[in-house]
Amino acid sequence: MRQAIKLAEMQSVSIWCGSDAISDADYHALSGLDVSRFSYPLLGEPKDVLQDALDTIAEHHPKATIWVEQAIAAV
């Protein structure tokens, strides 16, 4: 997520993430950047939940390319 935030700071890109990617407090600290946070987690969710998230992003950013990145936390 840190790399995505750096990208949002340097370029005009929109970043979307699940609630499990960034805490609510950290999200609010990003005020002014084009970062959106779903109110639910995305890690490990079934394909239909992920597709719904992608559909939501596409609604807000029509015709934009959507890149999906997943980082697995070390156990």
N, C-alpha and C. Protein backbone atom coordinates (compact mmCIF):
# COMPACT_ATOMS: atom_id res chain seq x y z
N MET A 1 0.83 -1.19 0.00
CA MET A 1 0.00 0.00 0.00
C MET A 1 0.87 1.25 0.00
N ARG A 2 2.01 1.18 0.66
CA ARG A 2 2.89 2.36 0.70
C ARG A 2 3.33 2.79 -0.68
N GLN A 3 3.62 1.83 -1.55
CA GLN A 3 4.03 2.16 -2.91
C GLN A 3 2.88 2.82 -3.67
N ALA A 4 1.68 2.34 -3.47
CA ALA A 4 0.51 2.92 -4.13
C ALA A 4 0.29 4.36 -3.65
N ILE A 5 0.48 4.61 -2.38
CA ILE A 5 0.30 5.96 -1.85
C ILE A 5 1.37 6.89 -2.43
N LYS A 6 2.60 6.41 -2.53
CA LYS A 6 3.66 7.23 -3.15
C LYS A 6 3.29 7.58 -4.59
N LEU A 7 2.72 6.62 -5.30
CA LEU A 7 2.28 6.85 -6.68
C LEU A 7 1.19 7.91 -6.72
N ALA A 8 0.25 7.83 -5.80
CA ALA A 8 -0.84 8.82 -5.74
C ALA A 8 -0.30 10.21 -5.42
N GLU A 9 0.76 10.28 -4.63
CA GLU A 9 1.36 11.57 -4.30
C GLU A 9 2.10 12.18 -5.49
N MET A 10 2.73 11.34 -6.31
CA MET A 10 3.57 11.82 -7.41
C MET A 10 2.80 12.03 -8.70
N GLN A 11 1.75 11.28 -8.93
CA GLN A 11 1.02 11.35 -10.18
C GLN A 11 -0.47 11.47 -9.90
N SER A 12 -1.20 11.81 -10.92
CA SER A 12 -2.64 11.92 -10.78
C SER A 12 -3.28 10.56 -11.05
N VAL A 13 -3.27 9.70 -10.05
CA VAL A 13 -3.88 8.38 -10.18
C VAL A 13 -4.84 8.18 -9.01
N SER A 14 -5.82 7.33 -9.25
CA SER A 14 -6.79 6.98 -8.20
C SER A 14 -6.40 5.64 -7.61
N ILE A 15 -6.39 5.57 -6.30
CA ILE A 15 -6.07 4.34 -5.59
C ILE A 15 -7.31 3.91 -4.81
N TRP A 16 -7.67 2.65 -4.97
CA TRP A 16 -8.78 2.07 -4.21
C TRP A 16 -8.23 0.88 -3.44
N CYS A 17 -8.72 0.67 -2.22
CA CYS A 17 -8.24 -0.47 -1.44
C CYS A 17 -9.34 -0.96 -0.51
N GLY A 18 -9.15 -2.17 -0.02
CA GLY A 18 -10.07 -2.74 0.95
C GLY A 18 -9.80 -2.21 2.34
N SER A 19 -10.73 -2.41 3.23
CA SER A 19 -10.56 -1.93 4.60
C SER A 19 -9.42 -2.64 5.32
N ASP A 20 -9.01 -3.79 4.79
CA ASP A 20 -7.92 -4.53 5.40
C ASP A 20 -6.55 -4.06 4.93
N ALA A 21 -6.51 -3.16 3.94
CA ALA A 21 -5.24 -2.67 3.41
C ALA A 21 -4.71 -1.46 4.16
N ILE A 22 -5.61 -0.71 4.76
CA ILE A 22 -5.21 0.51 5.47
C ILE A 22 -6.23 0.78 6.57
N SER A 23 -5.76 1.21 7.71
CA SER A 23 -6.67 1.48 8.82
C SER A 23 -7.51 2.72 8.53
N ASP A 24 -8.59 2.84 9.23
CA ASP A 24 -9.47 3.99 9.07
C ASP A 24 -8.73 5.28 9.39
N ALA A 25 -7.95 5.27 10.45
CA ALA A 25 -7.19 6.47 10.85
C ALA A 25 -6.16 6.85 9.79
N ASP A 26 -5.43 5.86 9.27
CA ASP A 26 -4.43 6.13 8.24
C ASP A 26 -5.10 6.63 6.96
N TYR A 27 -6.26 6.08 6.65
CA TYR A 27 -7.00 6.53 5.47
C TYR A 27 -7.38 8.00 5.60
N HIS A 28 -7.89 8.39 6.75
CA HIS A 28 -8.29 9.79 6.94
C HIS A 28 -7.09 10.73 6.91
N ALA A 29 -5.92 10.22 7.25
CA ALA A 29 -4.70 11.04 7.19
C ALA A 29 -4.29 11.33 5.74
N LEU A 30 -4.85 10.61 4.78
CA LEU A 30 -4.51 10.80 3.37
C LEU A 30 -5.41 11.82 2.68
N SER A 31 -6.12 12.60 3.45
CA SER A 31 -7.01 13.61 2.90
C SER A 31 -6.25 14.46 1.87
N GLY A 32 -6.88 14.68 0.74
CA GLY A 32 -6.26 15.45 -0.32
C GLY A 32 -5.70 14.60 -1.44
N LEU A 33 -5.47 13.31 -1.17
CA LEU A 33 -5.03 12.39 -2.21
C LEU A 33 -6.25 11.65 -2.75
N ASP A 34 -6.15 11.15 -3.96
CA ASP A 34 -7.27 10.43 -4.58
C ASP A 34 -7.21 8.96 -4.18
N VAL A 35 -7.43 8.73 -2.88
CA VAL A 35 -7.41 7.37 -2.32
C VAL A 35 -8.80 7.08 -1.78
N SER A 36 -9.37 5.95 -2.21
CA SER A 36 -10.68 5.51 -1.73
C SER A 36 -10.52 4.18 -1.01
N ARG A 37 -11.31 3.98 0.02
CA ARG A 37 -11.22 2.77 0.85
C ARG A 37 -12.60 2.15 0.95
N PHE A 38 -12.70 0.89 0.52
CA PHE A 38 -13.96 0.17 0.70
C PHE A 38 -14.19 -0.05 2.19
N SER A 39 -15.44 -0.13 2.59
CA SER A 39 -15.77 -0.32 4.01
C SER A 39 -15.66 -1.79 4.41
N TYR A 40 -15.24 -2.63 3.49
CA TYR A 40 -15.12 -4.06 3.77
C TYR A 40 -13.76 -4.56 3.26
N PRO A 41 -13.28 -5.69 3.80
CA PRO A 41 -11.99 -6.22 3.36
C PRO A 41 -12.10 -6.90 2.00
N LEU A 42 -10.97 -7.01 1.31
CA LEU A 42 -10.94 -7.68 0.02
C LEU A 42 -10.04 -8.92 0.02
N LEU A 43 -9.08 -8.97 0.91
CA LEU A 43 -8.14 -10.09 0.94
C LEU A 43 -8.87 -11.39 1.26
N GLY A 44 -8.72 -12.37 0.39
CA GLY A 44 -9.31 -13.68 0.61
C GLY A 44 -10.80 -13.77 0.31
N GLU A 45 -11.36 -12.71 -0.23
CA GLU A 45 -12.79 -12.72 -0.52
C GLU A 45 -13.05 -13.49 -1.82
N PRO A 46 -14.26 -14.05 -1.97
CA PRO A 46 -14.58 -14.79 -3.20
C PRO A 46 -14.63 -13.87 -4.42
N LYS A 47 -14.56 -14.49 -5.58
CA LYS A 47 -14.49 -13.74 -6.84
C LYS A 47 -15.66 -12.77 -7.02
N ASP A 48 -16.86 -13.14 -6.56
CA ASP A 48 -18.00 -12.24 -6.75
C ASP A 48 -17.85 -10.95 -5.96
N VAL A 49 -17.24 -11.02 -4.78
CA VAL A 49 -17.01 -9.80 -3.99
C VAL A 49 -15.97 -8.93 -4.68
N LEU A 50 -14.90 -9.56 -5.18
CA LEU A 50 -13.88 -8.81 -5.90
C LEU A 50 -14.43 -8.19 -7.18
N GLN A 51 -15.28 -8.93 -7.89
CA GLN A 51 -15.89 -8.39 -9.10
C GLN A 51 -16.78 -7.20 -8.78
N ASP A 52 -17.53 -7.28 -7.69
CA ASP A 52 -18.36 -6.14 -7.28
C ASP A 52 -17.51 -4.91 -7.01
N ALA A 53 -16.35 -5.11 -6.37
CA ALA A 53 -15.45 -3.99 -6.10
C ALA A 53 -14.93 -3.40 -7.41
N LEU A 54 -14.54 -4.26 -8.33
CA LEU A 54 -14.08 -3.78 -9.64
C LEU A 54 -15.17 -3.03 -10.38
N ASP A 55 -16.40 -3.52 -10.30
CA ASP A 55 -17.53 -2.84 -10.94
C ASP A 55 -17.75 -1.45 -10.34
N THR A 56 -17.60 -1.34 -9.04
CA THR A 56 -17.74 -0.05 -8.37
C THR A 56 -16.67 0.93 -8.85
N ILE A 57 -15.43 0.44 -8.93
CA ILE A 57 -14.34 1.30 -9.41
C ILE A 57 -14.62 1.74 -10.84
N ALA A 58 -15.06 0.81 -11.68
CA ALA A 58 -15.35 1.12 -13.09
C ALA A 58 -16.47 2.16 -13.21
N GLU A 59 -17.44 2.12 -12.32
CA GLU A 59 -18.52 3.11 -12.33
C GLU A 59 -17.97 4.51 -12.08
N HIS A 60 -16.99 4.61 -11.19
CA HIS A 60 -16.43 5.91 -10.82
C HIS A 60 -15.35 6.39 -11.80
N HIS A 61 -14.76 5.45 -12.52
CA HIS A 61 -13.67 5.78 -13.45
C HIS A 61 -13.92 5.06 -14.79
N PRO A 62 -14.98 5.47 -15.50
CA PRO A 62 -15.29 4.80 -16.77
C PRO A 62 -14.14 4.91 -17.76
N LYS A 63 -13.91 3.83 -18.46
CA LYS A 63 -12.89 3.73 -19.50
C LYS A 63 -11.46 3.79 -18.98
N ALA A 64 -11.27 3.83 -17.67
CA ALA A 64 -9.91 3.83 -17.11
C ALA A 64 -9.42 2.38 -17.01
N THR A 65 -8.13 2.22 -17.14
CA THR A 65 -7.53 0.91 -16.93
C THR A 65 -7.45 0.67 -15.43
N ILE A 66 -7.85 -0.51 -15.00
CA ILE A 66 -7.82 -0.86 -13.58
C ILE A 66 -6.72 -1.90 -13.38
N TRP A 67 -5.75 -1.56 -12.55
CA TRP A 67 -4.67 -2.48 -12.19
C TRP A 67 -4.99 -3.04 -10.81
N VAL A 68 -4.85 -4.34 -10.68
CA VAL A 68 -5.14 -5.00 -9.41
C VAL A 68 -3.84 -5.52 -8.83
N GLU A 69 -3.62 -5.20 -7.57
CA GLU A 69 -2.43 -5.67 -6.89
C GLU A 69 -2.85 -6.29 -5.57
N GLN A 70 -2.21 -7.37 -5.23
CA GLN A 70 -2.48 -8.04 -3.97
C GLN A 70 -1.16 -8.32 -3.28
N ALA A 71 -1.09 -7.95 -2.03
CA ALA A 71 0.10 -8.22 -1.23
C ALA A 71 -0.29 -9.18 -0.12
N ILE A 72 0.42 -10.26 -0.03
CA ILE A 72 0.16 -11.25 1.02
C ILE A 72 1.07 -10.92 2.21
N ALA A 73 0.47 -10.76 3.35
CA ALA A 73 1.25 -10.46 4.56
C ALA A 73 2.07 -11.70 4.95
N ALA A 74 3.24 -11.43 5.47
CA ALA A 74 4.10 -12.53 5.95
C ALA A 74 3.47 -13.16 7.17
N VAL A 75 3.54 -14.46 7.26
CA VAL A 75 2.92 -15.17 8.38
C VAL A 75 3.92 -15.38 9.47
